[in-house]
Amino acid sequence: MKWIVIVVAVLLGVPTLVASVGSLLPKAHSASRRATFRQSPETLWRLLTDYAAMPSWRADLRAIARSPDRDGHEVWLETDKRGQRLPLETIAAVPPRRLVRRIADPKLPFGGTWTWEITAAPGGSTLTITEDGEIYNPIFRFVAQVVIE
């Protein structure tokens, strides 16, 4: 009987602890990365906005398909290697300088945008990608902060 009480306490306590810690973590996060390429801004722009070709150079992506536009913005549905689907809406496009896409499913436990900024650089261009995300579920926040990182 003692072991049953211990097992039940652990089974109830661990998720409660994880949710409690997760609720203390910030919901929003931002991360940026920058790289320089030999290609022109126009060439990088064409590559980044040719969504149908993305599975040929993105190892994490199995398929991508055009979805109906949303409020005049194009939407593409990405399917990753695990079969998870993520709709992305293009909310801003200033060729060949700036592209902003956001997760277009409010039912997901996370959301956010990715901003690609391309600037001319000597002999090519510099690409800066910024992720501004939110993780709504405190358990997912805990996993993202403690387990994944």
N, C-alpha and C. Protein backbone atom coordinates (compact mmCIF):
# COMPACT_ATOMS: atom_id res chain seq x y z
N MET A 1 0.82 -1.20 0.00
CA MET A 1 0.00 0.00 0.00
C MET A 1 0.86 1.26 0.00
N LYS A 2 1.96 1.20 0.73
CA LYS A 2 2.86 2.35 0.82
C LYS A 2 3.39 2.72 -0.57
N TRP A 3 3.74 1.71 -1.38
CA TRP A 3 4.28 1.95 -2.72
C TRP A 3 3.23 2.56 -3.64
N ILE A 4 2.00 2.16 -3.47
CA ILE A 4 0.92 2.73 -4.29
C ILE A 4 0.78 4.22 -4.00
N VAL A 5 0.83 4.60 -2.75
CA VAL A 5 0.73 6.01 -2.37
C VAL A 5 1.91 6.79 -2.95
N ILE A 6 3.11 6.21 -2.88
CA ILE A 6 4.30 6.87 -3.43
C ILE A 6 4.17 7.05 -4.94
N VAL A 7 3.76 6.00 -5.64
CA VAL A 7 3.61 6.06 -7.10
C VAL A 7 2.56 7.10 -7.48
N VAL A 8 1.43 7.11 -6.79
CA VAL A 8 0.37 8.08 -7.09
C VAL A 8 0.86 9.50 -6.81
N ALA A 9 1.58 9.68 -5.70
CA ALA A 9 2.12 11.00 -5.37
C ALA A 9 3.09 11.49 -6.44
N VAL A 10 3.94 10.60 -6.93
CA VAL A 10 4.90 10.97 -7.98
C VAL A 10 4.15 11.28 -9.27
N LEU A 11 3.18 10.43 -9.63
CA LEU A 11 2.43 10.64 -10.87
C LEU A 11 1.65 11.95 -10.86
N LEU A 12 1.18 12.36 -9.71
CA LEU A 12 0.47 13.63 -9.60
C LEU A 12 1.42 14.80 -9.37
N GLY A 13 2.48 14.54 -8.64
CA GLY A 13 3.40 15.61 -8.27
C GLY A 13 4.27 16.11 -9.40
N VAL A 14 4.77 15.21 -10.24
CA VAL A 14 5.68 15.62 -11.32
C VAL A 14 4.98 16.54 -12.31
N PRO A 15 3.81 16.18 -12.83
CA PRO A 15 3.15 17.12 -13.76
C PRO A 15 2.79 18.45 -13.11
N THR A 16 2.41 18.41 -11.84
CA THR A 16 2.10 19.65 -11.13
C THR A 16 3.34 20.52 -11.00
N LEU A 17 4.46 19.91 -10.66
CA LEU A 17 5.72 20.65 -10.55
C LEU A 17 6.14 21.22 -11.90
N VAL A 18 6.04 20.40 -12.96
CA VAL A 18 6.40 20.85 -14.30
C VAL A 18 5.53 22.03 -14.73
N ALA A 19 4.22 21.92 -14.51
CA ALA A 19 3.30 23.01 -14.88
C ALA A 19 3.57 24.26 -14.05
N SER A 20 3.88 24.08 -12.77
CA SER A 20 4.17 25.23 -11.91
C SER A 20 5.43 25.96 -12.35
N VAL A 21 6.49 25.21 -12.60
CA VAL A 21 7.74 25.83 -13.06
C VAL A 21 7.51 26.48 -14.42
N GLY A 22 6.81 25.78 -15.33
CA GLY A 22 6.53 26.33 -16.65
C GLY A 22 5.75 27.63 -16.60
N SER A 23 4.83 27.75 -15.64
CA SER A 23 4.04 28.98 -15.55
C SER A 23 4.88 30.16 -15.07
N LEU A 24 6.03 29.89 -14.46
CA LEU A 24 6.93 30.96 -14.02
C LEU A 24 7.86 31.42 -15.14
N LEU A 25 7.99 30.63 -16.18
CA LEU A 25 8.87 30.98 -17.30
C LEU A 25 8.18 31.98 -18.23
N PRO A 26 8.95 32.83 -18.91
CA PRO A 26 8.32 33.80 -19.82
C PRO A 26 7.63 33.13 -21.00
N LYS A 27 6.48 33.66 -21.35
CA LYS A 27 5.71 33.12 -22.48
C LYS A 27 6.40 33.46 -23.81
N ALA A 28 6.97 34.65 -23.91
CA ALA A 28 7.56 35.13 -25.17
C ALA A 28 9.07 34.92 -25.18
N HIS A 29 9.58 34.71 -26.38
CA HIS A 29 11.03 34.62 -26.56
C HIS A 29 11.40 35.20 -27.92
N SER A 30 12.65 35.59 -28.05
CA SER A 30 13.15 36.13 -29.32
C SER A 30 14.57 35.63 -29.51
N ALA A 31 14.87 35.22 -30.73
CA ALA A 31 16.22 34.75 -31.05
C ALA A 31 16.55 35.15 -32.48
N SER A 32 17.79 35.58 -32.70
CA SER A 32 18.24 35.99 -34.04
C SER A 32 19.53 35.29 -34.39
N ARG A 33 19.70 35.03 -35.68
CA ARG A 33 20.94 34.49 -36.23
C ARG A 33 21.24 35.24 -37.51
N ARG A 34 22.53 35.40 -37.78
CA ARG A 34 22.97 36.15 -38.96
C ARG A 34 24.04 35.35 -39.68
N ALA A 35 23.97 35.39 -41.01
CA ALA A 35 24.99 34.73 -41.83
C ALA A 35 25.21 35.56 -43.09
N THR A 36 26.41 35.46 -43.62
CA THR A 36 26.76 36.16 -44.86
C THR A 36 26.91 35.13 -45.97
N PHE A 37 26.39 35.48 -47.15
CA PHE A 37 26.41 34.58 -48.30
C PHE A 37 27.03 35.29 -49.50
N ARG A 38 27.53 34.51 -50.44
CA ARG A 38 28.12 35.08 -51.66
C ARG A 38 27.05 35.49 -52.66
N GLN A 39 25.83 35.05 -52.45
CA GLN A 39 24.73 35.35 -53.37
C GLN A 39 24.21 36.77 -53.14
N SER A 40 23.63 37.31 -54.19
CA SER A 40 23.03 38.65 -54.12
C SER A 40 21.75 38.60 -53.28
N PRO A 41 21.28 39.75 -52.80
CA PRO A 41 20.00 39.77 -52.10
C PRO A 41 18.86 39.21 -52.95
N GLU A 42 18.88 39.49 -54.24
CA GLU A 42 17.82 38.99 -55.13
C GLU A 42 17.82 37.46 -55.20
N THR A 43 19.01 36.87 -55.26
CA THR A 43 19.11 35.41 -55.32
C THR A 43 18.62 34.79 -54.02
N LEU A 44 19.02 35.34 -52.89
CA LEU A 44 18.54 34.83 -51.60
C LEU A 44 17.03 34.98 -51.49
N TRP A 45 16.51 36.11 -51.94
CA TRP A 45 15.07 36.34 -51.89
C TRP A 45 14.32 35.27 -52.69
N ARG A 46 14.80 35.00 -53.90
CA ARG A 46 14.14 33.97 -54.73
C ARG A 46 14.15 32.62 -54.03
N LEU A 47 15.26 32.27 -53.42
CA LEU A 47 15.36 30.99 -52.71
C LEU A 47 14.39 30.93 -51.53
N LEU A 48 14.35 31.99 -50.74
CA LEU A 48 13.51 32.00 -49.54
C LEU A 48 12.02 32.07 -49.83
N THR A 49 11.66 32.62 -50.98
CA THR A 49 10.23 32.77 -51.29
C THR A 49 9.73 31.73 -52.30
N ASP A 50 10.59 30.83 -52.73
CA ASP A 50 10.16 29.71 -53.58
C ASP A 50 9.75 28.57 -52.64
N TYR A 51 8.59 28.74 -52.01
CA TYR A 51 8.16 27.81 -50.97
C TYR A 51 8.01 26.39 -51.49
N ALA A 52 7.52 26.24 -52.71
CA ALA A 52 7.32 24.90 -53.26
C ALA A 52 8.62 24.11 -53.35
N ALA A 53 9.75 24.80 -53.49
CA ALA A 53 11.05 24.12 -53.61
C ALA A 53 11.72 23.86 -52.26
N MET A 54 11.16 24.35 -51.18
CA MET A 54 11.81 24.22 -49.88
C MET A 54 12.15 22.79 -49.47
N PRO A 55 11.31 21.79 -49.76
CA PRO A 55 11.69 20.43 -49.35
C PRO A 55 13.00 19.95 -49.99
N SER A 56 13.43 20.58 -51.08
CA SER A 56 14.68 20.15 -51.73
C SER A 56 15.92 20.62 -50.97
N TRP A 57 15.80 21.64 -50.13
CA TRP A 57 16.97 22.12 -49.40
C TRP A 57 16.78 22.20 -47.88
N ARG A 58 15.58 21.96 -47.41
CA ARG A 58 15.33 21.92 -45.96
C ARG A 58 15.17 20.48 -45.52
N ALA A 59 16.15 19.96 -44.81
CA ALA A 59 16.16 18.56 -44.40
C ALA A 59 15.00 18.21 -43.47
N ASP A 60 14.48 19.18 -42.73
CA ASP A 60 13.40 18.92 -41.78
C ASP A 60 12.02 18.88 -42.42
N LEU A 61 11.93 19.22 -43.69
CA LEU A 61 10.63 19.39 -44.35
C LEU A 61 10.36 18.25 -45.34
N ARG A 62 9.22 17.57 -45.14
CA ARG A 62 8.84 16.49 -46.05
C ARG A 62 8.03 17.02 -47.24
N ALA A 63 7.13 17.96 -46.95
CA ALA A 63 6.25 18.47 -48.01
C ALA A 63 5.77 19.87 -47.66
N ILE A 64 5.32 20.56 -48.70
CA ILE A 64 4.72 21.88 -48.50
C ILE A 64 3.63 22.05 -49.57
N ALA A 65 2.52 22.65 -49.17
CA ALA A 65 1.40 22.81 -50.10
C ALA A 65 0.75 24.18 -49.88
N ARG A 66 0.31 24.78 -50.96
CA ARG A 66 -0.36 26.07 -50.89
C ARG A 66 -1.74 25.87 -50.28
N SER A 67 -2.10 26.73 -49.36
CA SER A 67 -3.42 26.73 -48.74
C SER A 67 -4.16 27.98 -49.20
N PRO A 68 -5.46 28.06 -48.92
CA PRO A 68 -6.19 29.27 -49.29
C PRO A 68 -5.61 30.50 -48.58
N ASP A 69 -5.64 31.62 -49.29
CA ASP A 69 -5.16 32.88 -48.70
C ASP A 69 -5.99 33.23 -47.47
N ARG A 70 -5.37 33.99 -46.59
CA ARG A 70 -6.04 34.46 -45.37
C ARG A 70 -5.90 35.97 -45.32
N ASP A 71 -7.00 36.67 -45.38
CA ASP A 71 -6.99 38.14 -45.36
C ASP A 71 -6.05 38.72 -46.42
N GLY A 72 -6.03 38.10 -47.59
CA GLY A 72 -5.18 38.58 -48.67
C GLY A 72 -3.73 38.16 -48.58
N HIS A 73 -3.37 37.36 -47.59
CA HIS A 73 -1.99 36.89 -47.42
C HIS A 73 -1.90 35.43 -47.85
N GLU A 74 -0.79 35.10 -48.53
CA GLU A 74 -0.63 33.71 -48.92
C GLU A 74 -0.27 32.86 -47.71
N VAL A 75 -0.77 31.61 -47.73
CA VAL A 75 -0.54 30.65 -46.65
C VAL A 75 -0.02 29.36 -47.27
N TRP A 76 1.02 28.81 -46.66
CA TRP A 76 1.58 27.53 -47.08
C TRP A 76 1.56 26.59 -45.89
N LEU A 77 1.20 25.34 -46.14
CA LEU A 77 1.14 24.33 -45.09
C LEU A 77 2.38 23.45 -45.19
N GLU A 78 3.24 23.54 -44.18
CA GLU A 78 4.46 22.73 -44.13
C GLU A 78 4.18 21.43 -43.37
N THR A 79 4.71 20.33 -43.88
CA THR A 79 4.66 19.05 -43.18
C THR A 79 6.09 18.61 -42.94
N ASP A 80 6.43 18.42 -41.66
CA ASP A 80 7.81 18.06 -41.36
C ASP A 80 8.02 16.55 -41.45
N LYS A 81 9.23 16.10 -41.19
CA LYS A 81 9.59 14.69 -41.33
C LYS A 81 8.81 13.79 -40.38
N ARG A 82 8.30 14.34 -39.27
CA ARG A 82 7.51 13.56 -38.31
C ARG A 82 6.02 13.58 -38.64
N GLY A 83 5.65 14.28 -39.71
CA GLY A 83 4.25 14.36 -40.11
C GLY A 83 3.48 15.49 -39.46
N GLN A 84 4.16 16.33 -38.68
CA GLN A 84 3.48 17.46 -38.06
C GLN A 84 3.30 18.58 -39.09
N ARG A 85 2.11 19.19 -39.05
CA ARG A 85 1.77 20.21 -40.04
C ARG A 85 1.74 21.59 -39.40
N LEU A 86 2.27 22.57 -40.13
CA LEU A 86 2.35 23.93 -39.62
C LEU A 86 1.99 24.92 -40.73
N PRO A 87 0.85 25.62 -40.60
CA PRO A 87 0.51 26.63 -41.60
C PRO A 87 1.26 27.93 -41.33
N LEU A 88 1.88 28.47 -42.37
CA LEU A 88 2.62 29.73 -42.25
C LEU A 88 2.04 30.76 -43.21
N GLU A 89 1.70 31.91 -42.66
CA GLU A 89 1.11 33.00 -43.42
C GLU A 89 2.16 34.09 -43.64
N THR A 90 2.29 34.53 -44.88
CA THR A 90 3.20 35.63 -45.19
C THR A 90 2.47 36.94 -44.89
N ILE A 91 2.93 37.66 -43.85
CA ILE A 91 2.23 38.88 -43.45
C ILE A 91 2.94 40.14 -43.94
N ALA A 92 4.18 40.01 -44.40
CA ALA A 92 4.89 41.16 -44.98
C ALA A 92 5.95 40.64 -45.94
N ALA A 93 6.05 41.30 -47.08
CA ALA A 93 7.07 40.94 -48.07
C ALA A 93 7.51 42.21 -48.79
N VAL A 94 8.78 42.54 -48.63
CA VAL A 94 9.37 43.70 -49.30
C VAL A 94 10.58 43.20 -50.07
N PRO A 95 10.37 42.74 -51.33
CA PRO A 95 11.48 42.17 -52.09
C PRO A 95 12.57 43.19 -52.35
N PRO A 96 13.80 42.84 -52.36
CA PRO A 96 14.39 41.61 -51.82
C PRO A 96 14.96 41.83 -50.42
N ARG A 97 14.24 42.56 -49.58
CA ARG A 97 14.83 42.97 -48.30
C ARG A 97 14.22 42.32 -47.06
N ARG A 98 12.91 42.16 -47.02
CA ARG A 98 12.29 41.76 -45.75
C ARG A 98 11.10 40.85 -45.99
N LEU A 99 11.06 39.76 -45.23
CA LEU A 99 9.97 38.79 -45.31
C LEU A 99 9.56 38.44 -43.89
N VAL A 100 8.25 38.50 -43.62
CA VAL A 100 7.75 38.14 -42.29
C VAL A 100 6.65 37.10 -42.46
N ARG A 101 6.81 35.97 -41.76
CA ARG A 101 5.81 34.90 -41.80
C ARG A 101 5.41 34.55 -40.39
N ARG A 102 4.14 34.20 -40.22
CA ARG A 102 3.69 33.83 -38.87
C ARG A 102 2.94 32.51 -38.91
N ILE A 103 2.93 31.86 -37.77
CA ILE A 103 2.17 30.62 -37.61
C ILE A 103 0.70 30.98 -37.68
N ALA A 104 -0.02 30.31 -38.57
CA ALA A 104 -1.41 30.69 -38.85
C ALA A 104 -2.42 29.70 -38.29
N ASP A 105 -2.15 29.18 -37.09
CA ASP A 105 -3.10 28.28 -36.44
C ASP A 105 -3.22 28.66 -34.97
N PRO A 106 -4.28 29.38 -34.60
CA PRO A 106 -4.42 29.82 -33.22
C PRO A 106 -4.69 28.69 -32.23
N LYS A 107 -4.97 27.48 -32.73
CA LYS A 107 -5.25 26.35 -31.83
C LYS A 107 -3.97 25.69 -31.32
N LEU A 108 -2.83 26.01 -31.91
CA LEU A 108 -1.58 25.39 -31.47
C LEU A 108 -1.16 25.94 -30.11
N PRO A 109 -0.36 25.17 -29.36
CA PRO A 109 0.09 25.64 -28.04
C PRO A 109 1.25 26.63 -28.13
N PHE A 110 1.58 27.05 -29.34
CA PHE A 110 2.66 28.02 -29.56
C PHE A 110 2.32 28.87 -30.77
N GLY A 111 3.00 29.98 -30.91
CA GLY A 111 2.78 30.85 -32.05
C GLY A 111 3.97 31.77 -32.22
N GLY A 112 3.91 32.59 -33.25
CA GLY A 112 4.98 33.54 -33.43
C GLY A 112 5.27 33.84 -34.89
N THR A 113 6.34 34.60 -35.08
CA THR A 113 6.74 35.01 -36.42
C THR A 113 8.22 34.74 -36.64
N TRP A 114 8.57 34.65 -37.91
CA TRP A 114 9.96 34.63 -38.35
C TRP A 114 10.14 35.80 -39.30
N THR A 115 11.16 36.58 -39.08
CA THR A 115 11.46 37.72 -39.94
C THR A 115 12.82 37.50 -40.59
N TRP A 116 12.84 37.53 -41.92
CA TRP A 116 14.08 37.42 -42.69
C TRP A 116 14.42 38.81 -43.20
N GLU A 117 15.61 39.28 -42.90
CA GLU A 117 16.07 40.58 -43.39
C GLU A 117 17.35 40.37 -44.17
N ILE A 118 17.34 40.84 -45.41
CA ILE A 118 18.48 40.67 -46.31
C ILE A 118 19.07 42.04 -46.59
N THR A 119 20.37 42.16 -46.40
CA THR A 119 21.07 43.41 -46.71
C THR A 119 22.26 43.09 -47.61
N ALA A 120 22.55 44.03 -48.50
CA ALA A 120 23.72 43.86 -49.37
C ALA A 120 24.97 43.92 -48.52
N ALA A 121 25.94 43.08 -48.88
CA ALA A 121 27.23 43.05 -48.19
C ALA A 121 28.31 42.93 -49.26
N PRO A 122 29.53 43.31 -48.95
CA PRO A 122 30.60 43.17 -49.95
C PRO A 122 30.69 41.73 -50.47
N GLY A 123 30.52 41.58 -51.77
CA GLY A 123 30.60 40.26 -52.38
C GLY A 123 29.39 39.38 -52.20
N GLY A 124 28.28 39.92 -51.73
CA GLY A 124 27.08 39.09 -51.54
C GLY A 124 26.03 39.78 -50.70
N SER A 125 25.56 39.09 -49.67
CA SER A 125 24.52 39.65 -48.82
C SER A 125 24.56 39.01 -47.43
N THR A 126 23.93 39.70 -46.50
CA THR A 126 23.80 39.20 -45.14
C THR A 126 22.33 38.92 -44.87
N LEU A 127 22.07 37.76 -44.31
CA LEU A 127 20.71 37.35 -43.96
C LEU A 127 20.61 37.27 -42.44
N THR A 128 19.63 37.97 -41.89
CA THR A 128 19.34 37.89 -40.46
C THR A 128 17.95 37.30 -40.30
N ILE A 129 17.85 36.23 -39.53
CA ILE A 129 16.56 35.60 -39.25
C ILE A 129 16.26 35.80 -37.77
N THR A 130 15.07 36.33 -37.50
CA THR A 130 14.65 36.55 -36.12
C THR A 130 13.36 35.80 -35.86
N GLU A 131 13.37 34.99 -34.82
CA GLU A 131 12.17 34.29 -34.38
C GLU A 131 11.63 35.02 -33.16
N ASP A 132 10.39 35.46 -33.24
CA ASP A 132 9.68 36.03 -32.10
C ASP A 132 8.53 35.08 -31.81
N GLY A 133 8.69 34.29 -30.76
CA GLY A 133 7.71 33.25 -30.50
C GLY A 133 7.06 33.35 -29.14
N GLU A 134 5.98 32.62 -29.00
CA GLU A 134 5.28 32.50 -27.73
C GLU A 134 4.90 31.04 -27.53
N ILE A 135 5.05 30.58 -26.30
CA ILE A 135 4.62 29.23 -25.95
C ILE A 135 3.55 29.41 -24.88
N TYR A 136 2.31 29.09 -25.24
CA TYR A 136 1.17 29.37 -24.38
C TYR A 136 1.02 28.36 -23.24
N ASN A 137 1.28 27.11 -23.52
CA ASN A 137 1.10 26.04 -22.55
C ASN A 137 2.30 25.98 -21.60
N PRO A 138 2.10 26.09 -20.28
CA PRO A 138 3.23 26.09 -19.35
C PRO A 138 4.03 24.79 -19.35
N ILE A 139 3.39 23.67 -19.64
CA ILE A 139 4.13 22.40 -19.70
C ILE A 139 5.06 22.42 -20.91
N PHE A 140 4.58 22.90 -22.06
CA PHE A 140 5.44 23.02 -23.24
C PHE A 140 6.57 24.01 -23.00
N ARG A 141 6.26 25.10 -22.25
CA ARG A 141 7.30 26.08 -21.92
C ARG A 141 8.41 25.43 -21.11
N PHE A 142 8.04 24.61 -20.14
CA PHE A 142 9.03 23.89 -19.32
C PHE A 142 9.87 22.98 -20.20
N VAL A 143 9.22 22.21 -21.06
CA VAL A 143 9.94 21.28 -21.93
C VAL A 143 10.89 22.05 -22.85
N ALA A 144 10.42 23.14 -23.45
CA ALA A 144 11.26 23.92 -24.37
C ALA A 144 12.45 24.52 -23.65
N GLN A 145 12.26 24.98 -22.44
CA GLN A 145 13.33 25.67 -21.71
C GLN A 145 14.29 24.70 -21.03
N VAL A 146 13.76 23.65 -20.42
CA VAL A 146 14.58 22.77 -19.59
C VAL A 146 15.04 21.52 -20.32
N VAL A 147 14.16 20.91 -21.10
CA VAL A 147 14.49 19.63 -21.74
C VAL A 147 15.17 19.83 -23.08
N ILE A 148 14.61 20.68 -23.94
CA ILE A 148 15.13 20.83 -25.31
C ILE A 148 16.42 21.62 -25.34
N GLU A 149 16.51 22.70 -24.57
CA GLU A 149 17.73 23.51 -24.60
C GLU A 149 18.75 22.83 -23.82
